Amino acid sequence: MSSAIGLDPKKPPVTNQKNQNCMHYLLFYDLATDYLERRTNFREEHLALAWQASARGELILGGALAEPVDGAVLLFQGDSPTVAERFAATDPYVRNGLVRGWRVRPWTTVVGEASISRPGVASAGKPFPVGSRCFDHWFQHAIYVCAIPPAARRTQFRVGK
């Protein structure tokens, strides 16, 4: 019989040891008042840095906030906040004063295909108790999924057999 999340409770859960502590991190930028006027000189280098981080699987999404353009938010994933901190330290927007300040916050994502730690849902929509075998299997599965490229992720839920 399968568990409610489609894993066989008799088999040990599959985990990815390298990314066992995978987590999402939000990098917040507070932008200078003249950001829009000054960004042109640094935009190409900034975007190249961002696309490189994306290609490594570190940067998931990023962009400036609108109306007003006074901040930016970048979503990273990794084993520690170092991936986001390293990005900010090397970003030409930060180095050249277009960013007045920045901070990194861990983000516990629980909903959506790319979420890191989704609580399992048993039949009839009741959550698995934290610490139960089903919850533990689901949590370890979520950690494993973190290491799979987003385009390859296809999470399926089964209830019962």
N, C-alpha and C. Protein backbone atom coordinates (compact mmCIF):
# COMPACT_ATOMS: atom_id res chain seq x y z
N MET A 1 0.84 -1.19 0.00
CA MET A 1 0.00 0.00 0.00
C MET A 1 0.88 1.25 0.00
N SER A 2 0.52 2.23 -0.79
CA SER A 2 1.28 3.48 -0.86
C SER A 2 0.84 4.41 0.24
N SER A 3 1.73 5.30 0.61
CA SER A 3 1.31 6.34 1.54
C SER A 3 0.46 7.33 0.78
N ALA A 4 -0.14 8.24 1.48
CA ALA A 4 -1.03 9.21 0.85
C ALA A 4 -0.30 10.13 -0.12
N ILE A 5 1.01 10.16 -0.08
CA ILE A 5 1.74 11.03 -0.98
C ILE A 5 2.42 10.25 -2.09
N GLY A 6 2.11 8.97 -2.22
CA GLY A 6 2.64 8.20 -3.32
C GLY A 6 3.98 7.55 -3.06
N LEU A 7 4.46 7.53 -1.81
CA LEU A 7 5.72 6.89 -1.48
C LEU A 7 5.43 5.59 -0.74
N ASP A 8 6.23 4.59 -0.94
CA ASP A 8 6.07 3.30 -0.26
C ASP A 8 6.64 3.42 1.14
N PRO A 9 5.79 3.29 2.19
CA PRO A 9 6.29 3.47 3.56
C PRO A 9 7.26 2.38 3.99
N LYS A 10 7.34 1.25 3.24
CA LYS A 10 8.26 0.18 3.60
C LYS A 10 9.67 0.45 3.10
N LYS A 11 9.80 1.34 2.13
CA LYS A 11 11.11 1.68 1.58
C LYS A 11 11.64 2.91 2.28
N PRO A 12 12.96 2.99 2.46
CA PRO A 12 13.50 4.21 3.06
C PRO A 12 13.27 5.38 2.11
N PRO A 13 13.00 6.57 2.65
CA PRO A 13 12.77 7.72 1.80
C PRO A 13 14.01 8.08 1.00
N VAL A 14 13.77 8.62 -0.19
CA VAL A 14 14.86 9.07 -1.05
C VAL A 14 15.23 10.48 -0.64
N THR A 15 16.50 10.71 -0.39
CA THR A 15 16.95 12.05 -0.06
C THR A 15 18.17 12.38 -0.90
N ASN A 16 18.43 13.64 -1.03
CA ASN A 16 19.61 14.11 -1.72
C ASN A 16 20.51 14.71 -0.66
N GLN A 17 21.56 14.02 -0.29
CA GLN A 17 22.42 14.47 0.80
C GLN A 17 23.05 15.83 0.53
N LYS A 18 23.38 16.10 -0.73
CA LYS A 18 24.04 17.37 -1.03
C LYS A 18 23.13 18.55 -0.73
N ASN A 19 21.85 18.45 -1.06
CA ASN A 19 20.93 19.56 -0.88
C ASN A 19 19.92 19.28 0.22
N GLN A 20 20.30 18.53 1.24
CA GLN A 20 19.37 18.18 2.28
C GLN A 20 18.85 19.40 3.03
N ASN A 21 19.60 20.46 3.08
CA ASN A 21 19.17 21.67 3.78
C ASN A 21 18.72 22.76 2.82
N CYS A 22 18.31 22.40 1.64
CA CYS A 22 17.91 23.37 0.64
C CYS A 22 16.78 24.24 1.18
N MET A 23 16.88 25.53 0.95
CA MET A 23 15.92 26.50 1.48
C MET A 23 15.80 27.64 0.49
N HIS A 24 14.69 28.35 0.54
CA HIS A 24 14.54 29.57 -0.26
C HIS A 24 14.98 30.77 0.58
N TYR A 25 15.57 31.73 -0.09
CA TYR A 25 16.01 32.97 0.54
C TYR A 25 15.58 34.14 -0.32
N LEU A 26 15.04 35.18 0.30
CA LEU A 26 14.67 36.40 -0.40
C LEU A 26 15.74 37.45 -0.14
N LEU A 27 16.24 38.04 -1.21
CA LEU A 27 17.17 39.16 -1.13
C LEU A 27 16.37 40.42 -1.43
N PHE A 28 16.30 41.31 -0.46
CA PHE A 28 15.59 42.57 -0.62
C PHE A 28 16.60 43.69 -0.86
N TYR A 29 16.35 44.50 -1.89
CA TYR A 29 17.15 45.68 -2.17
C TYR A 29 16.32 46.92 -1.87
N ASP A 30 16.91 47.90 -1.20
CA ASP A 30 16.34 49.23 -1.07
C ASP A 30 17.08 50.09 -2.08
N LEU A 31 16.35 50.58 -3.07
CA LEU A 31 16.99 51.28 -4.19
C LEU A 31 17.17 52.77 -3.92
N ALA A 32 18.23 53.34 -4.49
CA ALA A 32 18.49 54.78 -4.42
C ALA A 32 17.39 55.53 -5.17
N THR A 33 17.16 56.77 -4.78
CA THR A 33 16.09 57.54 -5.43
C THR A 33 16.36 57.79 -6.91
N ASP A 34 17.63 57.80 -7.30
CA ASP A 34 17.98 58.01 -8.72
C ASP A 34 18.31 56.70 -9.44
N TYR A 35 17.83 55.59 -8.92
CA TYR A 35 18.10 54.27 -9.49
C TYR A 35 17.75 54.20 -10.97
N LEU A 36 16.55 54.62 -11.34
CA LEU A 36 16.13 54.52 -12.75
C LEU A 36 17.03 55.32 -13.68
N GLU A 37 17.49 56.47 -13.24
CA GLU A 37 18.35 57.31 -14.07
C GLU A 37 19.76 56.73 -14.21
N ARG A 38 20.25 56.03 -13.18
CA ARG A 38 21.63 55.55 -13.17
C ARG A 38 21.83 54.10 -13.58
N ARG A 39 20.78 53.31 -13.63
CA ARG A 39 20.95 51.86 -13.82
C ARG A 39 21.47 51.48 -15.21
N THR A 40 21.26 52.30 -16.21
CA THR A 40 21.65 51.97 -17.59
C THR A 40 23.12 51.58 -17.69
N ASN A 41 23.99 52.31 -17.00
CA ASN A 41 25.44 52.05 -17.08
C ASN A 41 25.84 50.70 -16.49
N PHE A 42 25.01 50.13 -15.61
CA PHE A 42 25.37 48.91 -14.89
C PHE A 42 24.43 47.74 -15.19
N ARG A 43 23.39 48.00 -15.97
CA ARG A 43 22.34 46.99 -16.19
C ARG A 43 22.87 45.73 -16.88
N GLU A 44 23.69 45.87 -17.90
CA GLU A 44 24.20 44.70 -18.63
C GLU A 44 25.00 43.78 -17.70
N GLU A 45 25.88 44.36 -16.91
CA GLU A 45 26.69 43.57 -15.98
C GLU A 45 25.81 42.94 -14.89
N HIS A 46 24.84 43.69 -14.39
CA HIS A 46 23.92 43.18 -13.38
C HIS A 46 23.12 41.99 -13.91
N LEU A 47 22.56 42.12 -15.11
CA LEU A 47 21.77 41.04 -15.70
C LEU A 47 22.63 39.82 -16.03
N ALA A 48 23.86 40.03 -16.46
CA ALA A 48 24.75 38.90 -16.72
C ALA A 48 25.01 38.12 -15.43
N LEU A 49 25.25 38.85 -14.34
CA LEU A 49 25.46 38.21 -13.04
C LEU A 49 24.21 37.43 -12.63
N ALA A 50 23.04 38.02 -12.84
CA ALA A 50 21.79 37.36 -12.47
C ALA A 50 21.55 36.10 -13.30
N TRP A 51 21.78 36.17 -14.60
CA TRP A 51 21.57 34.99 -15.45
C TRP A 51 22.58 33.88 -15.12
N GLN A 52 23.80 34.25 -14.73
CA GLN A 52 24.77 33.23 -14.31
C GLN A 52 24.30 32.52 -13.04
N ALA A 53 23.78 33.29 -12.10
CA ALA A 53 23.26 32.69 -10.86
C ALA A 53 22.04 31.82 -11.16
N SER A 54 21.24 32.23 -12.11
CA SER A 54 20.09 31.43 -12.52
C SER A 54 20.53 30.12 -13.16
N ALA A 55 21.53 30.19 -14.02
CA ALA A 55 22.04 28.99 -14.70
C ALA A 55 22.62 27.99 -13.70
N ARG A 56 23.16 28.47 -12.59
CA ARG A 56 23.68 27.59 -11.53
C ARG A 56 22.57 27.02 -10.66
N GLY A 57 21.33 27.47 -10.87
CA GLY A 57 20.21 27.01 -10.07
C GLY A 57 20.06 27.73 -8.76
N GLU A 58 20.74 28.86 -8.58
CA GLU A 58 20.69 29.61 -7.32
C GLU A 58 19.59 30.67 -7.35
N LEU A 59 19.52 31.44 -8.41
CA LEU A 59 18.54 32.52 -8.53
C LEU A 59 17.32 31.98 -9.27
N ILE A 60 16.16 32.06 -8.64
CA ILE A 60 14.93 31.53 -9.21
C ILE A 60 14.16 32.62 -9.94
N LEU A 61 13.97 33.74 -9.31
CA LEU A 61 13.26 34.89 -9.87
C LEU A 61 13.86 36.17 -9.30
N GLY A 62 13.73 37.24 -10.03
CA GLY A 62 14.19 38.51 -9.51
C GLY A 62 13.64 39.66 -10.32
N GLY A 63 13.49 40.80 -9.67
CA GLY A 63 13.04 41.98 -10.39
C GLY A 63 12.76 43.13 -9.45
N ALA A 64 12.59 44.31 -10.05
CA ALA A 64 12.32 45.53 -9.29
C ALA A 64 10.83 45.60 -8.95
N LEU A 65 10.54 46.20 -7.81
CA LEU A 65 9.16 46.47 -7.44
C LEU A 65 8.69 47.68 -8.24
N ALA A 66 7.41 47.73 -8.55
CA ALA A 66 6.87 48.82 -9.37
C ALA A 66 5.91 49.68 -8.56
N GLU A 67 5.79 50.91 -9.01
CA GLU A 67 4.81 51.88 -8.51
C GLU A 67 4.83 52.03 -7.01
N PRO A 68 5.86 52.54 -6.42
CA PRO A 68 7.05 53.14 -7.03
C PRO A 68 8.19 52.13 -7.14
N VAL A 69 9.15 52.46 -7.98
CA VAL A 69 10.35 51.64 -8.13
C VAL A 69 11.32 52.07 -7.03
N ASP A 70 11.14 51.46 -5.86
CA ASP A 70 11.96 51.81 -4.71
C ASP A 70 12.65 50.60 -4.09
N GLY A 71 12.44 49.43 -4.67
CA GLY A 71 13.05 48.22 -4.14
C GLY A 71 13.06 47.13 -5.18
N ALA A 72 13.71 46.05 -4.84
CA ALA A 72 13.75 44.88 -5.70
C ALA A 72 13.76 43.65 -4.79
N VAL A 73 13.29 42.54 -5.34
CA VAL A 73 13.26 41.28 -4.60
C VAL A 73 13.81 40.19 -5.51
N LEU A 74 14.71 39.39 -4.98
CA LEU A 74 15.29 38.28 -5.73
C LEU A 74 15.12 37.02 -4.89
N LEU A 75 14.64 35.96 -5.51
CA LEU A 75 14.41 34.68 -4.84
C LEU A 75 15.55 33.72 -5.17
N PHE A 76 16.24 33.27 -4.13
CA PHE A 76 17.35 32.32 -4.27
C PHE A 76 16.99 31.01 -3.59
N GLN A 77 17.66 29.93 -4.01
CA GLN A 77 17.58 28.68 -3.27
C GLN A 77 18.99 28.16 -3.07
N GLY A 78 19.19 27.54 -1.92
CA GLY A 78 20.51 26.99 -1.62
C GLY A 78 20.55 26.41 -0.23
N ASP A 79 21.73 25.97 0.16
CA ASP A 79 21.93 25.36 1.47
C ASP A 79 22.04 26.40 2.58
N SER A 80 22.30 27.65 2.22
CA SER A 80 22.46 28.71 3.22
C SER A 80 22.20 30.05 2.53
N PRO A 81 22.08 31.12 3.30
CA PRO A 81 21.87 32.43 2.69
C PRO A 81 23.09 32.95 1.94
N THR A 82 24.18 32.22 1.99
CA THR A 82 25.42 32.64 1.32
C THR A 82 25.21 32.90 -0.17
N VAL A 83 24.34 32.11 -0.83
CA VAL A 83 24.14 32.30 -2.27
C VAL A 83 23.61 33.70 -2.54
N ALA A 84 22.66 34.17 -1.74
CA ALA A 84 22.10 35.51 -1.92
C ALA A 84 23.09 36.59 -1.48
N GLU A 85 23.78 36.35 -0.38
CA GLU A 85 24.76 37.32 0.12
C GLU A 85 25.90 37.51 -0.87
N ARG A 86 26.37 36.41 -1.46
CA ARG A 86 27.46 36.48 -2.44
C ARG A 86 27.01 37.27 -3.67
N PHE A 87 25.76 37.06 -4.09
CA PHE A 87 25.23 37.80 -5.23
C PHE A 87 25.24 39.30 -4.92
N ALA A 88 24.70 39.67 -3.77
CA ALA A 88 24.63 41.10 -3.42
C ALA A 88 26.01 41.73 -3.34
N ALA A 89 26.96 41.01 -2.77
CA ALA A 89 28.31 41.55 -2.61
C ALA A 89 29.00 41.82 -3.94
N THR A 90 28.62 41.09 -4.98
CA THR A 90 29.27 41.26 -6.29
C THR A 90 28.41 42.02 -7.28
N ASP A 91 27.19 42.34 -6.92
CA ASP A 91 26.27 43.02 -7.84
C ASP A 91 26.74 44.45 -8.12
N PRO A 92 26.87 44.82 -9.40
CA PRO A 92 27.30 46.19 -9.72
C PRO A 92 26.31 47.24 -9.23
N TYR A 93 25.04 46.91 -9.09
CA TYR A 93 24.08 47.87 -8.53
C TYR A 93 24.44 48.20 -7.08
N VAL A 94 24.86 47.21 -6.32
CA VAL A 94 25.26 47.42 -4.92
C VAL A 94 26.59 48.15 -4.87
N ARG A 95 27.56 47.66 -5.65
CA ARG A 95 28.91 48.25 -5.62
C ARG A 95 28.95 49.70 -6.05
N ASN A 96 27.97 50.12 -6.88
CA ASN A 96 27.98 51.48 -7.41
C ASN A 96 26.90 52.37 -6.80
N GLY A 97 26.33 51.97 -5.68
CA GLY A 97 25.43 52.83 -4.93
C GLY A 97 24.00 52.91 -5.44
N LEU A 98 23.59 52.09 -6.37
CA LEU A 98 22.20 52.10 -6.81
C LEU A 98 21.31 51.42 -5.78
N VAL A 99 21.92 50.61 -4.93
CA VAL A 99 21.22 49.95 -3.83
C VAL A 99 21.70 50.59 -2.54
N ARG A 100 20.76 51.22 -1.80
CA ARG A 100 21.10 51.88 -0.53
C ARG A 100 21.35 50.88 0.58
N GLY A 101 20.66 49.74 0.52
CA GLY A 101 20.81 48.72 1.54
C GLY A 101 20.19 47.43 1.05
N TRP A 102 20.63 46.33 1.64
CA TRP A 102 20.06 45.03 1.27
C TRP A 102 20.03 44.12 2.48
N ARG A 103 19.14 43.14 2.43
CA ARG A 103 19.02 42.15 3.50
C ARG A 103 18.51 40.84 2.91
N VAL A 104 18.88 39.75 3.56
CA VAL A 104 18.46 38.42 3.13
C VAL A 104 17.60 37.82 4.22
N ARG A 105 16.47 37.26 3.83
CA ARG A 105 15.57 36.60 4.77
C ARG A 105 15.29 35.18 4.30
N PRO A 106 15.32 34.18 5.19
CA PRO A 106 14.89 32.84 4.81
C PRO A 106 13.38 32.88 4.55
N TRP A 107 12.93 32.10 3.58
CA TRP A 107 11.52 32.08 3.22
C TRP A 107 11.05 30.64 3.23
N THR A 108 10.15 30.32 4.11
CA THR A 108 9.61 28.98 4.21
C THR A 108 8.46 28.86 3.22
N THR A 109 8.73 28.30 2.07
CA THR A 109 7.71 28.16 1.04
C THR A 109 6.97 26.85 1.25
N VAL A 110 5.63 26.91 1.22
CA VAL A 110 4.83 25.72 1.50
C VAL A 110 3.78 25.42 0.42
N VAL A 111 3.58 26.32 -0.52
CA VAL A 111 2.58 26.11 -1.57
C VAL A 111 3.23 26.37 -2.92
N GLY A 112 2.91 25.54 -3.89
CA GLY A 112 3.42 25.71 -5.24
C GLY A 112 4.40 24.62 -5.59
N GLU A 113 4.54 24.38 -6.88
CA GLU A 113 5.38 23.29 -7.36
C GLU A 113 6.83 23.44 -6.93
N ALA A 114 7.32 24.66 -6.81
CA ALA A 114 8.72 24.88 -6.45
C ALA A 114 8.94 25.06 -4.95
N SER A 115 7.88 24.88 -4.15
CA SER A 115 8.04 25.08 -2.71
C SER A 115 9.01 24.05 -2.14
N ILE A 116 9.68 24.43 -1.08
CA ILE A 116 10.71 23.59 -0.48
C ILE A 116 10.13 22.63 0.53
N SER A 117 9.25 23.07 1.40
CA SER A 117 8.72 22.18 2.45
C SER A 117 7.21 22.30 2.52
N ARG A 118 6.54 21.44 1.78
CA ARG A 118 5.09 21.44 1.79
C ARG A 118 4.59 20.39 2.77
N PRO A 119 3.74 20.77 3.69
CA PRO A 119 3.17 19.74 4.56
C PRO A 119 2.32 18.79 3.72
N GLY A 120 2.36 17.50 4.04
CA GLY A 120 1.56 16.52 3.32
C GLY A 120 0.09 16.69 3.63
N VAL A 121 -0.73 16.20 2.73
CA VAL A 121 -2.17 16.26 2.95
C VAL A 121 -2.70 14.85 2.84
N ALA A 122 -3.35 14.37 3.88
CA ALA A 122 -3.93 13.04 3.89
C ALA A 122 -5.29 13.08 3.21
N SER A 123 -5.97 11.96 3.18
CA SER A 123 -7.29 11.92 2.57
C SER A 123 -8.22 12.89 3.27
N ALA A 124 -9.21 13.34 2.57
CA ALA A 124 -10.20 14.30 3.05
C ALA A 124 -9.57 15.64 3.42
N GLY A 125 -8.38 15.92 2.88
CA GLY A 125 -7.76 17.21 3.07
C GLY A 125 -7.19 17.46 4.45
N LYS A 126 -7.10 16.42 5.28
CA LYS A 126 -6.55 16.59 6.63
C LYS A 126 -5.02 16.52 6.56
N PRO A 127 -4.33 17.45 7.20
CA PRO A 127 -2.86 17.42 7.16
C PRO A 127 -2.30 16.25 7.94
N PHE A 128 -1.15 15.76 7.51
CA PHE A 128 -0.44 14.74 8.26
C PHE A 128 0.06 15.37 9.55
N PRO A 129 0.00 14.66 10.65
CA PRO A 129 0.59 15.19 11.89
C PRO A 129 2.10 15.33 11.72
N VAL A 130 2.64 16.46 12.17
CA VAL A 130 4.09 16.65 12.12
C VAL A 130 4.73 15.56 12.96
N GLY A 131 5.77 14.94 12.43
CA GLY A 131 6.45 13.85 13.13
C GLY A 131 5.92 12.48 12.75
N SER A 132 4.80 12.42 12.03
CA SER A 132 4.29 11.12 11.60
C SER A 132 5.16 10.59 10.46
N ARG A 133 5.06 9.30 10.21
CA ARG A 133 5.84 8.68 9.14
C ARG A 133 5.52 9.32 7.79
N CYS A 134 4.23 9.60 7.53
CA CYS A 134 3.84 10.20 6.25
C CYS A 134 4.43 11.60 6.11
N PHE A 135 4.37 12.38 7.19
CA PHE A 135 4.93 13.73 7.12
C PHE A 135 6.42 13.66 6.87
N ASP A 136 7.11 12.76 7.59
CA ASP A 136 8.56 12.62 7.42
C ASP A 136 8.90 12.23 5.99
N HIS A 137 8.15 11.29 5.40
CA HIS A 137 8.39 10.91 4.00
C HIS A 137 8.17 12.10 3.09
N TRP A 138 7.09 12.84 3.33
CA TRP A 138 6.80 13.98 2.46
C TRP A 138 7.89 15.03 2.57
N PHE A 139 8.31 15.36 3.79
CA PHE A 139 9.33 16.38 3.99
C PHE A 139 10.62 15.98 3.29
N GLN A 140 11.03 14.73 3.42
CA GLN A 140 12.26 14.28 2.78
C GLN A 140 12.10 14.28 1.27
N HIS A 141 10.91 13.98 0.77
CA HIS A 141 10.65 14.04 -0.66
C HIS A 141 10.80 15.49 -1.15
N ALA A 142 10.26 16.43 -0.36
CA ALA A 142 10.35 17.84 -0.75
C ALA A 142 11.80 18.28 -0.84
N ILE A 143 12.65 17.80 0.08
CA ILE A 143 14.07 18.15 0.03
C ILE A 143 14.70 17.59 -1.23
N TYR A 144 14.35 16.37 -1.59
CA TYR A 144 14.88 15.74 -2.81
C TYR A 144 14.45 16.52 -4.04
N VAL A 145 13.19 16.92 -4.10
CA VAL A 145 12.66 17.64 -5.26
C VAL A 145 13.40 18.95 -5.47
N CYS A 146 13.87 19.56 -4.39
CA CYS A 146 14.59 20.83 -4.48
C CYS A 146 15.79 20.75 -5.41
N ALA A 147 16.43 19.58 -5.48
CA ALA A 147 17.64 19.42 -6.28
C ALA A 147 17.33 19.14 -7.75
N ILE A 148 16.07 18.93 -8.10
CA ILE A 148 15.68 18.63 -9.47
C ILE A 148 15.37 19.94 -10.18
N PRO A 149 15.85 20.13 -11.41
CA PRO A 149 15.55 21.37 -12.14
C PRO A 149 14.03 21.57 -12.23
N PRO A 150 13.54 22.81 -12.10
CA PRO A 150 12.11 23.07 -12.09
C PRO A 150 11.36 22.46 -13.27
N ALA A 151 11.94 22.48 -14.47
CA ALA A 151 11.26 21.94 -15.63
C ALA A 151 11.06 20.43 -15.53
N ALA A 152 11.87 19.76 -14.72
CA ALA A 152 11.79 18.31 -14.60
C ALA A 152 10.90 17.87 -13.44
N ARG A 153 10.43 18.82 -12.62
CA ARG A 153 9.63 18.46 -11.45
C ARG A 153 8.19 18.15 -11.86
N ARG A 154 7.73 17.01 -11.45
CA ARG A 154 6.33 16.62 -11.67
C ARG A 154 5.88 15.85 -10.44
N THR A 155 5.37 16.57 -9.45
CA THR A 155 4.95 15.97 -8.21
C THR A 155 3.53 15.43 -8.39
N GLN A 156 3.32 14.17 -8.07
CA GLN A 156 1.99 13.57 -8.15
C GLN A 156 1.60 13.06 -6.79
N PHE A 157 0.35 13.26 -6.44
CA PHE A 157 -0.17 12.81 -5.16
C PHE A 157 -1.13 11.67 -5.41
N ARG A 158 -1.03 10.63 -4.58
CA ARG A 158 -1.96 9.52 -4.65
C ARG A 158 -2.48 9.26 -3.25
N VAL A 159 -3.73 8.98 -3.16
CA VAL A 159 -4.32 8.62 -1.88
C VAL A 159 -4.70 7.15 -1.95
N GLY A 160 -4.32 6.37 -0.95
CA GLY A 160 -4.65 4.94 -0.94
C GLY A 160 -3.64 4.15 -1.70
N LYS A 161 -4.12 3.08 -2.37
CA LYS A 161 -3.23 2.15 -3.08
C LYS A 161 -2.61 2.78 -4.29
